[in-house]
C-alpha atoms as a PDB file:
ATOM      1  CA  MET A   1       6.572   7.818  18.625  1.00  0.00           C
ATOM      2  CA  LEU A   2       8.589   5.653  16.971  1.00  0.00           C
ATOM      3  CA  THR A   3       8.593   2.153  15.259  1.00  0.00           C
ATOM      4  CA  THR A   4      10.519  -1.052  14.648  1.00  0.00           C
ATOM      5  CA  LEU A   5      10.101  -0.986  11.002  1.00  0.00           C
ATOM      6  CA  LEU A   6      13.089   1.810  10.444  1.00  0.00           C
ATOM      7  CA  ARG A   7      16.371   1.418  12.487  1.00  0.00           C
ATOM      8  CA  THR A   8      17.903   4.036  13.855  1.00  0.00           C
ATOM      9  CA  VAL A   9      21.979   4.795  13.691  1.00  0.00           C
ATOM     10  CA  ARG A  10      24.133   7.029  15.587  1.00  0.00           C
ATOM     11  CA  ALA A  11      26.262   9.669  13.182  1.00  0.00           C
ATOM     12  CA  THR A  12      30.287   9.149  14.090  1.00  0.00           C
ATOM     13  CA  ARG A  13      31.631  11.676  11.125  1.00  0.00           C
ATOM     14  CA  TYR A  14      30.687  13.905   8.876  1.00  0.00           C
ATOM     15  CA  VAL A  15      32.157  13.229   5.689  1.00  0.00           C
ATOM     16  CA  THR A  16      31.422  15.631   3.036  1.00  0.00           C
ATOM     17  CA  PRO A  17      28.480  17.865   2.075  1.00  0.00           C
ATOM     18  CA  LEU A  18      26.397  17.138  -1.261  1.00  0.00           C
ATOM     19  CA  ARG A  19      26.049  20.722  -2.774  1.00  0.00           C
ATOM     20  CA  GLU A  20      23.400  18.988  -5.211  1.00  0.00           C
ATOM     21  CA  GLY A  21      20.730  19.498  -2.889  1.00  0.00           C
ATOM     22  CA  GLY A  22      19.631  23.113  -1.438  1.00  0.00           C
ATOM     23  CA  SER A  23      18.989  21.519   1.670  1.00  0.00           C
ATOM     24  CA  LEU A  24      22.314  21.069   1.867  1.00  0.00           C
ATOM     25  CA  PRO A  25      22.608  16.921   2.822  1.00  0.00           C
ATOM     26  CA  ALA A  26      25.694  15.448   3.662  1.00  0.00           C
ATOM     27  CA  ILE A  27      27.416  11.721   3.619  1.00  0.00           C
ATOM     28  CA  VAL A  28      27.757  10.685   7.317  1.00  0.00           C
ATOM     29  CA  GLU A  29      28.816   7.445   8.667  1.00  0.00           C
ATOM     30  CA  ALA A  30      27.540   5.842  11.281  1.00  0.00           C
ATOM     31  CA  ASP A  31      27.959   3.699  14.385  1.00  0.00           C
ATOM     32  CA  ASP A  32      27.108   0.665  12.381  1.00  0.00           C
ATOM     33  CA  ASP A  33      29.855   1.235   9.850  1.00  0.00           C
ATOM     34  CA  GLY A  34      27.243   2.448   7.002  1.00  0.00           C
ATOM     35  CA  LEU A  35      27.373   5.427   5.354  1.00  0.00           C
ATOM     36  CA  TYR A  36      24.340   7.774   4.660  1.00  0.00           C
ATOM     37  CA  VAL A  37      23.258  10.542   3.013  1.00  0.00           C
ATOM     38  CA  VAL A  38      21.320  12.670   5.659  1.00  0.00           C
ATOM     39  CA  LYS A  39      19.049  15.331   5.748  1.00  0.00           C
ATOM     40  CA  PHE A  40      19.544  17.314   8.096  1.00  0.00           C
ATOM     41  CA  ARG A  41      16.599  19.064  10.356  1.00  0.00           C
ATOM     42  CA  GLY A  42      17.993  22.452  11.114  1.00  0.00           C
ATOM     43  CA  ALA A  43      18.338  22.991   7.196  1.00  0.00           C
ATOM     44  CA  ALA A  44      16.130  25.576   6.395  1.00  0.00           C
ATOM     45  CA  GLN A  45      13.422  23.395   4.916  1.00  0.00           C
ATOM     46  CA  GLY A  46      12.707  22.204   8.492  1.00  0.00           C
ATOM     47  CA  PRO A  47      11.180  19.149   9.881  1.00  0.00           C
ATOM     48  CA  LYS A  48       8.545  19.281   7.296  1.00  0.00           C
ATOM     49  CA  ALA A  49      10.786  18.061   4.459  1.00  0.00           C
ATOM     50  CA  LEU A  50      12.161  15.280   6.436  1.00  0.00           C
ATOM     51  CA  VAL A  51       8.607  13.975   7.499  1.00  0.00           C
ATOM     52  CA  ALA A  52       7.951  14.278   3.503  1.00  0.00           C
ATOM     53  CA  GLU A  53      11.423  12.109   3.203  1.00  0.00           C
ATOM     54  CA  LEU A  54      10.373   9.769   5.519  1.00  0.00           C
ATOM     55  CA  VAL A  55       6.749   9.455   5.012  1.00  0.00           C
ATOM     56  CA  ALA A  56       6.870   8.924   0.747  1.00  0.00           C
ATOM     57  CA  GLY A  57      10.441   7.441   0.526  1.00  0.00           C
ATOM     58  CA  GLU A  58       8.535   4.371   3.079  1.00  0.00           C
ATOM     59  CA  ILE A  59       5.555   4.285   0.596  1.00  0.00           C
ATOM     60  CA  GLY A  60       7.591   3.721  -2.023  1.00  0.00           C
ATOM     61  CA  ARG A  61       9.185   0.869  -0.040  1.00  0.00           C
ATOM     62  CA  THR A  62       5.857  -0.373   0.408  1.00  0.00           C
ATOM     63  CA  LEU A  63       5.058  -0.436  -3.046  1.00  0.00           C
ATOM     64  CA  GLY A  64       7.783  -2.005  -3.655  1.00  0.00           C
ATOM     65  CA  LEU A  65       9.996   0.278  -5.909  1.00  0.00           C
ATOM     66  CA  PRO A  66      13.413   0.989  -5.425  1.00  0.00           C
ATOM     67  CA  VAL A  67      14.149   3.395  -2.571  1.00  0.00           C
ATOM     68  CA  PRO A  68      17.462   2.700  -0.872  1.00  0.00           C
ATOM     69  CA  GLU A  69      16.952   1.883   2.755  1.00  0.00           C
ATOM     70  CA  ILE A  70      15.681   5.137   4.966  1.00  0.00           C
ATOM     71  CA  VAL A  71      16.591   5.261   8.768  1.00  0.00           C
ATOM     72  CA  PHE A  72      16.737   7.410  11.552  1.00  0.00           C
ATOM     73  CA  ILE A  73      20.245   8.664  12.437  1.00  0.00           C
ATOM     74  CA  GLU A  74      20.952  10.243  15.661  1.00  0.00           C
ATOM     75  CA  VAL A  75      23.732  13.583  15.429  1.00  0.00           C
ATOM     76  CA  ASP A  76      25.428  14.619  18.556  1.00  0.00           C
ATOM     77  CA  PRO A  77      25.435  18.508  17.975  1.00  0.00           C
ATOM     78  CA  ALA A  78      29.126  18.331  19.777  1.00  0.00           C
ATOM     79  CA  LEU A  79      30.135  16.436  15.951  1.00  0.00           C
ATOM     80  CA  ALA A  80      30.059  20.018  14.612  1.00  0.00           C
ATOM     81  CA  ASN A  81      33.253  21.199  16.389  1.00  0.00           C
ATOM     82  CA  ALA A  82      35.669  19.373  14.089  1.00  0.00           C
ATOM     83  CA  GLU A  83      34.208  21.117  11.028  1.00  0.00           C
ATOM     84  CA  PRO A  84      36.043  23.587   9.745  1.00  0.00           C
ATOM     85  CA  HIS A  85      33.195  25.382   8.093  1.00  0.00           C
ATOM     86  CA  MET A  86      30.943  27.824   9.718  1.00  0.00           C
ATOM     87  CA  GLU A  87      27.701  27.039   7.664  1.00  0.00           C
ATOM     88  CA  ILE A  88      28.270  23.236   8.381  1.00  0.00           C
ATOM     89  CA  GLN A  89      28.777  23.909  11.991  1.00  0.00           C
ATOM     90  CA  GLU A  90      25.632  26.055  12.273  1.00  0.00           C
ATOM     91  CA  LEU A  91      23.587  22.878  10.522  1.00  0.00           C
ATOM     92  CA  MET A  92      24.784  20.596  12.652  1.00  0.00           C
ATOM     93  CA  ARG A  93      24.027  22.283  15.870  1.00  0.00           C
ATOM     94  CA  ALA A  94      20.833  23.385  14.693  1.00  0.00           C
ATOM     95  CA  SER A  95      19.824  19.214  13.877  1.00  0.00           C
ATOM     96  CA  GLY A  96      20.838  17.564  17.082  1.00  0.00           C
ATOM     97  CA  GLY A  97      18.979  15.137  18.097  1.00  0.00           C
ATOM     98  CA  LEU A  98      17.052  12.665  15.282  1.00  0.00           C
ATOM     99  CA  ASN A  99      17.257  13.358  11.659  1.00  0.00           C
ATOM    100  CA  VAL A 100      16.807  11.016   8.470  1.00  0.00           C
ATOM    101  CA  ALA A 101      19.373   9.185   6.173  1.00  0.00           C
ATOM    102  CA  LEU A 102      18.888   7.328   2.867  1.00  0.00           C
ATOM    103  CA  ASP A 103      21.861   4.632   2.001  1.00  0.00           C
ATOM    104  CA  PHE A 104      24.424   5.819   0.647  1.00  0.00           C
ATOM    105  CA  LEU A 105      25.164   4.365  -2.477  1.00  0.00           C
ATOM    106  CA  PRO A 106      28.418   4.483  -3.688  1.00  0.00           C
ATOM    107  CA  GLY A 107      29.816   4.864  -7.559  1.00  0.00           C
ATOM    108  CA  ALA A 108      25.785   5.539  -8.579  1.00  0.00           C
ATOM    109  CA  LEU A 109      25.563   7.762 -11.511  1.00  0.00           C
ATOM    110  CA  PRO A 110      22.532  10.115 -12.148  1.00  0.00           C
ATOM    111  CA  PHE A 111      19.581   8.889 -14.300  1.00  0.00           C
ATOM    112  CA  ASP A 112      19.659   9.615 -17.808  1.00  0.00           C
ATOM    113  CA  ALA A 113      16.363   9.301 -20.224  1.00  0.00           C
ATOM    114  CA  ARG A 114      18.221   9.677 -23.289  1.00  0.00           C
ATOM    115  CA  LEU A 115      19.575   6.463 -22.415  1.00  0.00           C
ATOM    116  CA  ALA A 116      16.135   4.603 -21.499  1.00  0.00           C
ATOM    117  CA  GLY A 117      14.744   6.229 -25.047  1.00  0.00           C
ATOM    118  CA  LEU A 118      17.529   3.869 -26.850  1.00  0.00           C
ATOM    119  CA  GLY A 119      16.490   0.781 -24.841  1.00  0.00           C
ATOM    120  CA  ARG A 120      20.213   0.996 -22.805  1.00  0.00           C
ATOM    121  CA  LEU A 121      18.422   0.877 -19.736  1.00  0.00           C
ATOM    122  CA  PRO A 122      16.488  -2.293 -19.598  1.00  0.00           C
ATOM    123  CA  GLU A 123      15.150  -2.454 -16.616  1.00  0.00           C
ATOM    124  CA  VAL A 124      13.043   0.923 -17.444  1.00  0.00           C
ATOM    125  CA  THR A 125      10.500  -1.249 -18.553  1.00  0.00           C
ATOM    126  CA  GLY A 126       6.637   0.343 -19.301  1.00  0.00           C
ATOM    127  CA  ALA A 127       5.534  -1.496 -15.673  1.00  0.00           C
ATOM    128  CA  LEU A 128       8.235   0.357 -13.678  1.00  0.00           C
ATOM    129  CA  ALA A 129       8.037   4.004 -15.471  1.00  0.00           C
ATOM    130  CA  SER A 130       4.300   3.646 -14.950  1.00  0.00           C
ATOM    131  CA  GLU A 131       4.422   2.378 -11.309  1.00  0.00           C
ATOM    132  CA  ILE A 132       6.613   5.530 -10.666  1.00  0.00           C
ATOM    133  CA  VAL A 133       4.720   7.540 -12.182  1.00  0.00           C
ATOM    134  CA  TRP A 134       1.591   6.638  -9.995  1.00  0.00           C
ATOM    135  CA  PHE A 135       3.670   6.504  -7.092  1.00  0.00           C
ATOM    136  CA  ASP A 136       5.126  10.420  -7.421  1.00  0.00           C
ATOM    137  CA  ALA A 137       1.561  11.564  -8.105  1.00  0.00           C
ATOM    138  CA  PHE A 138      -0.261   9.847  -5.529  1.00  0.00           C
ATOM    139  CA  VAL A 139       2.471  11.468  -3.029  1.00  0.00           C
ATOM    140  CA  THR A 140       2.601  14.829  -5.055  1.00  0.00           C
ATOM    141  CA  ASN A 141       6.335  14.276  -5.699  1.00  0.00           C
ATOM    142  CA  VAL A 142       7.198  17.583  -7.616  1.00  0.00           C
ATOM    143  CA  ASP A 143      10.913  16.331  -8.436  1.00  0.00           C
ATOM    144  CA  ARG A 144      10.972  13.818 -10.819  1.00  0.00           C
ATOM    145  CA  THR A 145      11.560  16.217 -13.864  1.00  0.00           C
ATOM    146  CA  PRO A 146      14.020  15.803 -16.731  1.00  0.00           C
ATOM    147  CA  ARG A 147      15.855  19.015 -15.301  1.00  0.00           C
ATOM    148  CA  ASN A 148      16.061  16.914 -11.828  1.00  0.00           C
ATOM    149  CA  PRO A 149      14.990  13.666 -11.875  1.00  0.00           C
ATOM    150  CA  ASN A 150      16.235  12.508  -8.350  1.00  0.00           C
ATOM    151  CA  MET A 151      16.784   8.929 -10.051  1.00  0.00           C
ATOM    152  CA  LEU A 152      20.343   7.572 -10.151  1.00  0.00           C
ATOM    153  CA  LEU A 153      21.803   4.158 -11.517  1.00  0.00           C
ATOM    154  CA  TRP A 154      23.524   1.715  -9.854  1.00  0.00           C
ATOM    155  CA  HIS A 155      24.410  -1.744  -9.889  1.00  0.00           C
ATOM    156  CA  LYS A 156      22.569  -1.789 -13.046  1.00  0.00           C
ATOM    157  CA  ARG A 157      19.342  -0.762 -10.943  1.00  0.00           C
ATOM    158  CA  LEU A 158      17.359   2.044 -11.122  1.00  0.00           C
ATOM    159  CA  TRP A 159      16.873   3.803  -7.190  1.00  0.00           C
ATOM    160  CA  LEU A 160      14.869   6.474  -6.423  1.00  0.00           C
ATOM    161  CA  ILE A 161      16.084   9.317  -3.994  1.00  0.00           C
ATOM    162  CA  ASP A 162      15.224  12.484  -2.677  1.00  0.00           C
ATOM    163  CA  HIS A 163      11.674  12.917  -1.706  1.00  0.00           C
ATOM    164  CA  GLY A 164      11.489  15.797   0.319  1.00  0.00           C
ATOM    165  CA  ALA A 165       8.973  18.306  -1.964  1.00  0.00           C
ATOM    166  CA  SER A 166       6.618  15.764  -1.615  1.00  0.00           C
ATOM    167  CA  LEU A 167       3.597  16.105   0.207  1.00  0.00           C
ATOM    168  CA  TYR A 168       2.929  19.617  -0.447  1.00  0.00           C
ATOM    169  CA  PHE A 169      -0.135  19.828   1.087  1.00  0.00           C
ATOM    170  CA  HIS A 170       0.692  19.594   4.730  1.00  0.00           C
ATOM    171  CA  HIS A 171       2.426  22.908   4.214  1.00  0.00           C
ATOM    172  CA  THR A 172      -0.474  24.603   4.741  1.00  0.00           C
ATOM    173  CA  TRP A 173      -3.734  22.275   6.118  1.00  0.00           C
ATOM    174  CA  ASN A 174      -6.185  23.942   4.783  1.00  0.00           C
ATOM    175  CA  ASP A 175      -9.213  22.348   2.915  1.00  0.00           C
ATOM    176  CA  TYR A 176      -6.651  19.024   2.714  1.00  0.00           C
ATOM    177  CA  LEU A 177      -9.396  16.597   2.280  1.00  0.00           C
ATOM    178  CA  ALA A 178     -10.867  18.175  -0.837  1.00  0.00           C
ATOM    179  CA  ARG A 179      -7.044  18.401  -1.860  1.00  0.00           C
ATOM    180  CA  ALA A 180      -6.447  14.899  -1.474  1.00  0.00           C
ATOM    181  CA  GLN A 181      -9.204  14.060  -4.199  1.00  0.00           C
ATOM    182  CA  SER A 182      -7.487  16.479  -6.993  1.00  0.00           C
ATOM    183  CA  GLY A 183      -5.499  15.571  -9.674  1.00  0.00           C
ATOM    184  CA  PHE A 184      -1.304  16.719 -10.312  1.00  0.00           C
ATOM    185  CA  ALA A 185      -0.703  19.035 -12.638  1.00  0.00           C
ATOM    186  CA  GLN A 186       3.036  18.579 -12.535  1.00  0.00           C
ATOM    187  CA  VAL A 187       2.423  14.943 -14.030  1.00  0.00           C
ATOM    188  CA  LYS A 188       2.841  16.520 -17.058  1.00  0.00           C
ATOM    189  CA  ASP A 189       6.584  17.258 -16.385  1.00  0.00           C
ATOM    190  CA  HIS A 190       7.563  13.702 -14.949  1.00  0.00           C
ATOM    191  CA  VAL A 191      11.180  12.578 -16.615  1.00  0.00           C
ATOM    192  CA  LEU A 192       8.930   8.596 -17.043  1.00  0.00           C
ATOM    193  CA  LEU A 193       5.914   9.571 -18.409  1.00  0.00           C
ATOM    194  CA  PRO A 194       6.579   9.054 -22.215  1.00  0.00           C
ATOM    195  CA  PHE A 195       7.699   5.632 -20.657  1.00  0.00           C
ATOM    196  CA  ALA A 196       4.668   5.296 -18.491  1.00  0.00           C
ATOM    197  CA  ASP A 197       2.612   3.138 -21.122  1.00  0.00           C
ATOM    198  CA  ASP A 198       0.547   0.862 -18.130  1.00  0.00           C
ATOM    199  CA  LEU A 199      -0.545   3.555 -16.079  1.00  0.00           C
ATOM    200  CA  ALA A 200      -4.410   1.885 -15.263  1.00  0.00           C
ATOM    201  CA  GLY A 201      -2.348  -1.954 -14.302  1.00  0.00           C
ATOM    202  CA  ALA A 202      -0.382   0.644 -12.477  1.00  0.00           C
ATOM    203  CA  ASP A 203      -3.431   2.031 -10.676  1.00  0.00           C
ATOM    204  CA  ALA A 204      -4.916  -1.407 -10.015  1.00  0.00           C
ATOM    205  CA  ARG A 205      -1.497  -2.752  -8.398  1.00  0.00           C
ATOM    206  CA  LEU A 206      -0.203  -0.089  -6.413  1.00  0.00           C
ATOM    207  CA  SER A 207      -3.788   0.688  -4.613  1.00  0.00           C
ATOM    208  CA  ALA A 208      -4.427  -2.828  -3.659  1.00  0.00           C
ATOM    209  CA  ARG A 209      -0.845  -2.524  -1.713  1.00  0.00           C
ATOM    210  CA  LEU A 210      -1.907   0.651   0.220  1.00  0.00           C
ATOM    211  CA  THR A 211      -4.082  -0.885   3.185  1.00  0.00           C
ATOM    212  CA  GLU A 212      -5.078   1.400   5.830  1.00  0.00           C
ATOM    213  CA  GLU A 213      -2.248  -0.858   8.207  1.00  0.00           C
ATOM    214  CA  THR A 214       0.377  -0.184   5.993  1.00  0.00           C
ATOM    215  CA  LEU A 215      -0.085   3.781   5.978  1.00  0.00           C
ATOM    216  CA  ALA A 216      -1.229   3.624   9.383  1.00  0.00           C
ATOM    217  CA  ALA A 217       2.382   2.229  10.182  1.00  0.00           C
ATOM    218  CA  VAL A 218       4.163   4.602   8.117  1.00  0.00           C
ATOM    219  CA  VAL A 219       2.494   7.573   9.676  1.00  0.00           C
ATOM    220  CA  ALA A 220       3.444   6.084  12.970  1.00  0.00           C
ATOM    221  CA  ALA A 221       7.280   6.602  12.217  1.00  0.00           C
ATOM    222  CA  ILE A 222       7.065  10.444  11.907  1.00  0.00           C
ATOM    223  CA  PRO A 223       8.693  11.090  15.563  1.00  0.00           C
ATOM    224  CA  ASP A 224       6.608  13.567  18.071  1.00  0.00           C
ATOM    225  CA  GLY A 225       9.334  16.032  17.510  1.00  0.00           C
ATOM    226  CA  TRP A 226       8.776  16.436  14.129  1.00  0.00           C
ATOM    227  CA  LEU A 227       5.195  17.681  14.241  1.00  0.00           C
ATOM    228  CA  ASP A 228       4.120  20.699  14.418  1.00  0.00           C
ATOM    229  CA  VAL A 229       1.308  21.052  16.549  1.00  0.00           C
ATOM    230  CA  THR A 230      -0.672  24.013  15.194  1.00  0.00           C
ATOM    231  CA  PRO A 231      -4.044  24.910  14.238  1.00  0.00           C
ATOM    232  CA  PRO A 232      -6.352  22.995  13.190  1.00  0.00           C
ATOM    233  CA  PHE A 233      -4.535  20.556  15.344  1.00  0.00           C
ATOM    234  CA  ALA A 234      -4.690  19.874  19.007  1.00  0.00           C
ATOM    235  CA  SER A 235      -2.356  17.010  19.756  1.00  0.00           C
ATOM    236  CA  ARG A 236       0.168  15.026  17.523  1.00  0.00           C
ATOM    237  CA  GLU A 237      -2.414  12.052  17.548  1.00  0.00           C
ATOM    238  CA  GLU A 238      -5.040  14.512  15.660  1.00  0.00           C
ATOM    239  CA  GLN A 239      -2.662  15.471  12.998  1.00  0.00           C
ATOM    240  CA  ARG A 240      -1.039  11.485  12.051  1.00  0.00           C
ATOM    241  CA  ALA A 241      -4.855  11.260  11.976  1.00  0.00           C
ATOM    242  CA  ALA A 242      -5.208  13.846   8.863  1.00  0.00           C
ATOM    243  CA  TYR A 243      -2.143  12.645   7.390  1.00  0.00           C
ATOM    244  CA  LEU A 244      -4.042   8.754   7.542  1.00  0.00           C
ATOM    245  CA  ALA A 245      -7.347  10.373   6.428  1.00  0.00           C
ATOM    246  CA  TYR A 246      -5.409  12.581   3.305  1.00  0.00           C
ATOM    247  CA  PHE A 247      -4.192   9.504   2.183  1.00  0.00           C
ATOM    248  CA  ALA A 248      -7.578   7.391   2.693  1.00  0.00           C
ATOM    249  CA  GLU A 249      -9.450   9.991   0.692  1.00  0.00           C
ATOM    250  CA  ARG A 250      -6.636  10.489  -1.978  1.00  0.00           C
ATOM    251  CA  LEU A 251      -7.070   6.391  -2.277  1.00  0.00           C
ATOM    252  CA  ARG A 252     -10.512   7.262  -2.861  1.00  0.00           C
ATOM    253  CA  ALA A 253     -12.043   6.623  -6.207  1.00  0.00           C
ATOM    254  CA  PRO A 254     -12.136   8.312  -9.083  1.00  0.00           C
ATOM    255  CA  HIS A 255      -8.273   8.913  -8.711  1.00  0.00           C
ATOM    256  CA  ARG A 256      -8.165  12.118  -9.748  1.00  0.00           C
ATOM    257  CA  PHE A 257      -4.037  12.059 -10.535  1.00  0.00           C
ATOM    258  CA  VAL A 258      -4.458   8.794 -12.805  1.00  0.00           C
ATOM    259  CA  GLU A 259      -6.422  10.347 -14.884  1.00  0.00           C
ATOM    260  CA  GLU A 260      -4.572  13.651 -15.280  1.00  0.00           C
ATOM    261  CA  ALA A 261      -1.514  11.456 -15.916  1.00  0.00           C
ATOM    262  CA  LEU A 262      -3.310   9.830 -18.671  1.00  0.00           C
ATOM    263  CA  ASP A 263      -4.687  13.139 -20.201  1.00  0.00           C
ATOM    264  CA  ALA A 264      -0.770  14.391 -20.034  1.00  0.00           C
ATOM    265  CA  ARG A 265       0.564  11.155 -21.834  1.00  0.00           C
ATOM    266  CA  ALA A 266      -2.216  11.145 -24.496  1.00  0.00           C
ATOM    267  CA  GLN A 267      -1.166  15.161 -24.849  1.00  0.00           C
ATOM    268  CA  ARG A 268       2.343  13.911 -25.934  1.00  0.00           C
ATOM    269  CA  HIS A 269       1.211  11.307 -28.606  1.00  0.00           C
END
């Protein structure tokens, strides 16, 4: 079940692996002559990491946050024949069909929080930092820490990448609606929390942007083949409805994940 919100490109050449990621992402050239960072369906993390990358990333883009363009990318297993490394061959053969990719930002540099603290990254305002903290707490993204910030600086702008570890509720659907109302304890380790001085304002702004229609469009973009129809679900439609119900419940006031971020920030001061 695809939507016109995302483009689909076809991989034409495997360029190079990115060893920084445990899922063996890679830079791949596509038939639109663009370069993309591909997250492969056949990696150890499986399709749920792709669902998280897609859903969390598109929510971020819906909120107006600086997430690179996300596309679907078709991978032909025959591309593996040109690769000398057995590990890459196996990965590409296991990833035939639809995968997810982000626009590659050539020459981008890793984010360094020390520069933000010195005021040498003027775009990292309190408002933007607060919106990013809100977003990561909403989608339960555990990968935005000082050790692993998953942010890049490119053309003097901050960019958010790698959201495959988000939405960890979908790894086990037990009590998912109850967990939707929970906080996000890991927010205390967020790399931008010290700069997030407008969390209440970010909560008001971003909550208003996440309408039922926008969230439904994002969830509708999940390809059928990425959904694992197992109990408690009898169909893909039920599973998509569960994602929407989770987000709707998480947006229901009071926002415990915002309260937890405010408490964590207060404890730092």
